[in-house]
Amino acid sequence: MKFSSVFSGLAALALASLASATDRTAAIYIQPVSQSPAAPAPLAEIRYDPAAAASDAEVISYEAPEIPDETRLVRIGVYNPSAKRWESSTSVASVENFSKGYSPTLILSVDQKGDVLSAALRGVRIDAGQTRDFGPQALVLVTEPGKQPELNKPIVLSPEGKNVVQEERTFLQKYWWLIGIVVLMTMTGGGGEQGK
């Protein structure tokens, strides 16, 4: 009895560690866009599972940015401080997204393997009567493969070797039978009673 309970506990622990092993983290950085740009500063760290739904993303840490007053735009993305380069594509956002009455939503686009392709920021207006969750939110969008072209579809050729194009029919050629029915009903329809 004890052996089976210990074994089931160890199995549950192993499954839980495997499930959390697929979690990934992404460090989001922010940089003011100005004539003399400063170095990118950490904004947030997001934990996500590329195999799970987008709602499973979680903001681990968030630091409210200190943005100079003259700055109107900021750059958001995944930055590598040791290599001093952006690891993902970046997006530009207005500083109004950090204004009072707005909650920042960080959006990560990841590929099928879970690697970050881009990061973006959107300020969501807060309605105090509807929600009590004013903190930053995270959303992960996993890319899907696009539609593939239909290859090896047969092409109809004329005896001369040219593409056969069907002739466009006119309105009368398409709907002659409807016009005939309307004319027949009009001709055979009885009129109202003529003077009694």
Protein backbone atom coordinates (compact mmCIF):
# COMPACT_ATOMS: atom_id res chain seq x y z
CA MET A 1 0.00 0.00 0.00
CA LYS A 2 2.74 2.44 0.94
CA PHE A 3 4.82 1.55 -2.08
CA SER A 4 1.97 2.36 -4.49
CA SER A 5 1.24 5.73 -2.85
CA VAL A 6 4.93 6.67 -2.92
CA PHE A 7 5.17 5.57 -6.54
CA SER A 8 2.07 7.56 -7.56
CA GLY A 9 3.40 10.63 -5.75
CA LEU A 10 6.73 10.39 -7.56
CA ALA A 11 4.95 9.92 -10.89
CA ALA A 12 2.81 13.01 -10.26
CA LEU A 13 5.93 15.00 -9.34
CA ALA A 14 7.70 13.87 -12.51
CA LEU A 15 4.70 14.81 -14.68
CA ALA A 16 4.47 18.22 -13.01
CA SER A 17 8.15 18.91 -13.65
CA LEU A 18 7.76 17.85 -17.29
CA ALA A 19 4.76 20.14 -17.68
CA SER A 20 6.62 23.12 -16.23
CA ALA A 21 9.69 22.33 -18.35
CA THR A 22 7.85 23.58 -21.42
CA ASP A 23 7.33 27.00 -19.85
CA ARG A 24 9.50 29.72 -21.35
CA THR A 25 10.27 33.25 -20.27
CA ALA A 26 10.81 36.38 -22.31
CA ALA A 27 12.36 39.60 -21.04
CA ILE A 28 10.68 42.64 -22.60
CA TYR A 29 12.68 45.86 -22.82
CA ILE A 30 11.65 49.44 -23.48
CA GLN A 31 13.63 52.27 -25.09
CA PRO A 32 12.50 55.89 -25.54
CA VAL A 33 12.56 57.03 -29.17
CA SER A 34 14.41 60.35 -29.27
CA GLN A 35 17.31 62.09 -30.98
CA SER A 36 19.73 60.77 -28.37
CA PRO A 37 18.24 57.40 -27.40
CA ALA A 38 19.09 55.87 -24.05
CA ALA A 39 19.95 52.21 -23.58
CA PRO A 40 16.95 49.87 -23.43
CA ALA A 41 15.67 49.25 -19.91
CA PRO A 42 13.84 46.15 -18.61
CA LEU A 43 10.07 46.53 -18.66
CA ALA A 44 8.64 43.10 -17.89
CA GLU A 45 9.33 39.40 -17.80
CA ILE A 46 6.67 37.05 -19.14
CA ARG A 47 6.31 33.31 -18.55
CA TYR A 48 4.42 31.44 -21.26
CA ASP A 49 3.82 27.98 -22.62
CA PRO A 50 3.77 27.97 -26.45
CA ALA A 51 1.69 24.77 -26.47
CA ALA A 52 -1.02 26.19 -24.17
CA ALA A 53 -3.70 28.77 -24.77
CA ALA A 54 -2.85 32.47 -24.93
CA SER A 55 -4.56 33.11 -21.61
CA ASP A 56 -1.91 31.03 -19.82
CA ALA A 57 0.72 33.76 -20.19
CA GLU A 58 1.78 35.33 -16.92
CA VAL A 59 3.64 38.55 -16.09
CA ILE A 60 6.38 37.50 -13.64
CA SER A 61 7.82 40.96 -13.06
CA TYR A 62 6.92 44.44 -14.23
CA GLU A 63 8.77 47.71 -13.69
CA ALA A 64 6.91 50.89 -14.52
CA PRO A 65 9.11 52.74 -17.02
CA GLU A 66 10.69 56.10 -16.28
CA ILE A 67 10.13 57.99 -19.51
CA PRO A 68 11.44 61.53 -20.06
CA ASP A 69 8.72 64.19 -20.43
CA GLU A 70 9.68 65.15 -24.01
CA THR A 71 9.41 61.55 -25.23
CA ARG A 72 6.26 60.69 -27.16
CA LEU A 73 7.16 57.21 -28.50
CA VAL A 74 8.87 54.15 -27.07
CA ARG A 75 10.32 51.01 -28.66
CA ILE A 76 9.24 47.65 -27.22
CA GLY A 77 10.94 44.31 -27.88
CA VAL A 78 13.16 41.50 -26.64
CA TYR A 79 16.68 42.84 -26.09
CA ASN A 80 19.94 41.04 -25.32
CA PRO A 81 22.02 43.34 -23.05
CA SER A 82 25.19 41.25 -23.35
CA ALA A 83 25.14 41.33 -27.18
CA LYS A 84 23.65 44.85 -27.17
CA ARG A 85 21.13 44.02 -29.89
CA TRP A 86 17.42 43.37 -30.28
CA GLU A 87 16.60 39.65 -30.39
CA SER A 88 13.13 40.12 -31.86
CA SER A 89 11.39 42.58 -34.10
CA THR A 90 10.34 45.66 -32.20
CA SER A 91 7.23 47.79 -32.20
CA VAL A 92 6.72 51.45 -31.49
CA ALA A 93 4.07 52.52 -29.01
CA SER A 94 2.87 55.83 -27.67
CA VAL A 95 3.70 56.83 -24.11
CA GLU A 96 -0.06 57.37 -23.66
CA ASN A 97 -0.30 53.59 -23.13
CA PHE A 98 1.26 54.18 -19.69
CA SER A 99 -1.06 57.06 -18.77
CA LYS A 100 -3.37 57.06 -15.82
CA GLY A 101 -6.53 55.07 -16.54
CA TYR A 102 -4.76 52.58 -18.83
CA SER A 103 -3.45 49.10 -18.08
CA PRO A 104 -0.57 47.89 -20.28
CA THR A 105 -1.09 44.65 -22.17
CA LEU A 106 2.13 43.08 -23.45
CA ILE A 107 1.66 41.02 -26.62
CA LEU A 108 4.22 38.40 -27.65
CA SER A 109 4.18 36.74 -31.05
CA VAL A 110 5.94 33.38 -30.98
CA ASP A 111 6.57 30.71 -33.61
CA GLN A 112 5.59 27.04 -33.37
CA LYS A 113 8.79 26.21 -31.42
CA GLY A 114 8.11 28.97 -28.89
CA ASP A 115 10.81 31.43 -30.00
CA VAL A 116 9.77 35.08 -29.71
CA LEU A 117 9.22 36.78 -33.06
CA SER A 118 8.02 40.17 -31.85
CA ALA A 119 6.75 42.08 -28.85
CA ALA A 120 4.19 44.86 -28.70
CA LEU A 121 2.35 46.94 -26.13
CA ARG A 122 -1.25 48.09 -26.03
CA GLY A 123 -2.82 50.25 -23.35
CA VAL A 124 -6.29 49.03 -22.37
CA ARG A 125 -8.66 51.55 -20.83
CA ILE A 126 -9.61 50.59 -17.28
CA ASP A 127 -13.23 50.72 -16.20
CA ALA A 128 -13.10 50.60 -12.41
CA GLY A 129 -16.70 49.41 -12.22
CA GLN A 130 -16.06 46.38 -14.42
CA THR A 131 -12.72 45.03 -13.22
CA ARG A 132 -10.43 45.08 -10.25
CA ASP A 133 -7.39 43.76 -12.11
CA PHE A 134 -5.43 46.92 -12.96
CA GLY A 135 -2.01 45.32 -13.35
CA PRO A 136 -0.23 44.56 -16.60
CA GLN A 137 -1.55 41.66 -18.65
CA ALA A 138 0.23 39.34 -21.08
CA LEU A 139 -1.01 37.82 -24.30
CA VAL A 140 0.91 35.27 -26.39
CA LEU A 141 0.02 34.76 -30.05
CA VAL A 142 1.36 31.57 -31.62
CA THR A 143 1.78 31.80 -35.38
CA GLU A 144 -0.03 29.30 -37.56
CA PRO A 145 1.19 28.06 -40.92
CA GLY A 146 -0.44 29.87 -43.84
CA LYS A 147 -2.50 28.34 -46.60
CA GLN A 148 -0.43 26.47 -49.16
CA PRO A 149 -1.03 26.80 -52.91
CA GLU A 150 -2.72 23.94 -54.72
CA LEU A 151 -0.02 22.41 -56.86
CA ASN A 152 -0.46 20.01 -59.78
CA LYS A 153 -3.95 21.32 -60.53
CA PRO A 154 -4.70 20.45 -64.18
CA ILE A 155 -4.86 23.33 -66.63
CA VAL A 156 -7.35 23.02 -69.49
CA LEU A 157 -5.78 23.85 -72.86
CA SER A 158 -7.32 24.29 -76.28
CA PRO A 159 -6.08 22.22 -79.27
CA GLU A 160 -3.77 25.14 -80.15
CA GLY A 161 -2.13 24.89 -76.71
CA LYS A 162 -3.65 28.07 -75.21
CA ASN A 163 -5.62 28.47 -72.00
CA VAL A 164 -9.34 27.96 -72.45
CA VAL A 165 -11.23 30.98 -71.14
CA GLN A 166 -14.96 30.59 -70.70
CA GLU A 167 -16.91 33.34 -72.40
CA GLU A 168 -18.72 35.72 -70.10
CA ARG A 169 -22.45 35.43 -70.72
CA THR A 170 -24.71 38.49 -70.87
CA PHE A 171 -27.63 39.13 -68.56
CA LEU A 172 -30.15 37.90 -71.17
CA GLN A 173 -28.14 34.72 -71.80
CA LYS A 174 -28.10 33.92 -68.08
CA TYR A 175 -31.68 34.77 -67.12
CA TRP A 176 -33.80 34.36 -70.31
CA TRP A 177 -35.93 31.70 -68.67
CA LEU A 178 -36.87 33.93 -65.73
CA ILE A 179 -37.86 36.72 -68.08
CA GLY A 180 -39.99 34.23 -70.05
CA ILE A 181 -41.81 33.09 -66.89
CA VAL A 182 -42.56 36.69 -65.87
CA VAL A 183 -43.91 37.53 -69.36
CA LEU A 184 -46.04 34.33 -69.44
CA MET A 185 -47.55 35.05 -66.02
CA THR A 186 -48.29 38.63 -66.99
CA MET A 187 -50.03 37.60 -70.22
CA THR A 188 -52.13 34.79 -68.72
CA GLY A 189 -52.95 36.46 -65.44
CA GLY A 190 -56.58 37.43 -65.11
CA GLY A 191 -57.51 41.02 -64.60
CA GLY A 192 -59.84 42.37 -62.04
CA GLU A 193 -63.57 42.42 -62.57
CA GLN A 194 -64.52 44.95 -65.25
CA GLY A 195 -67.64 46.92 -64.36
CA LYS A 196 -70.59 44.90 -63.19
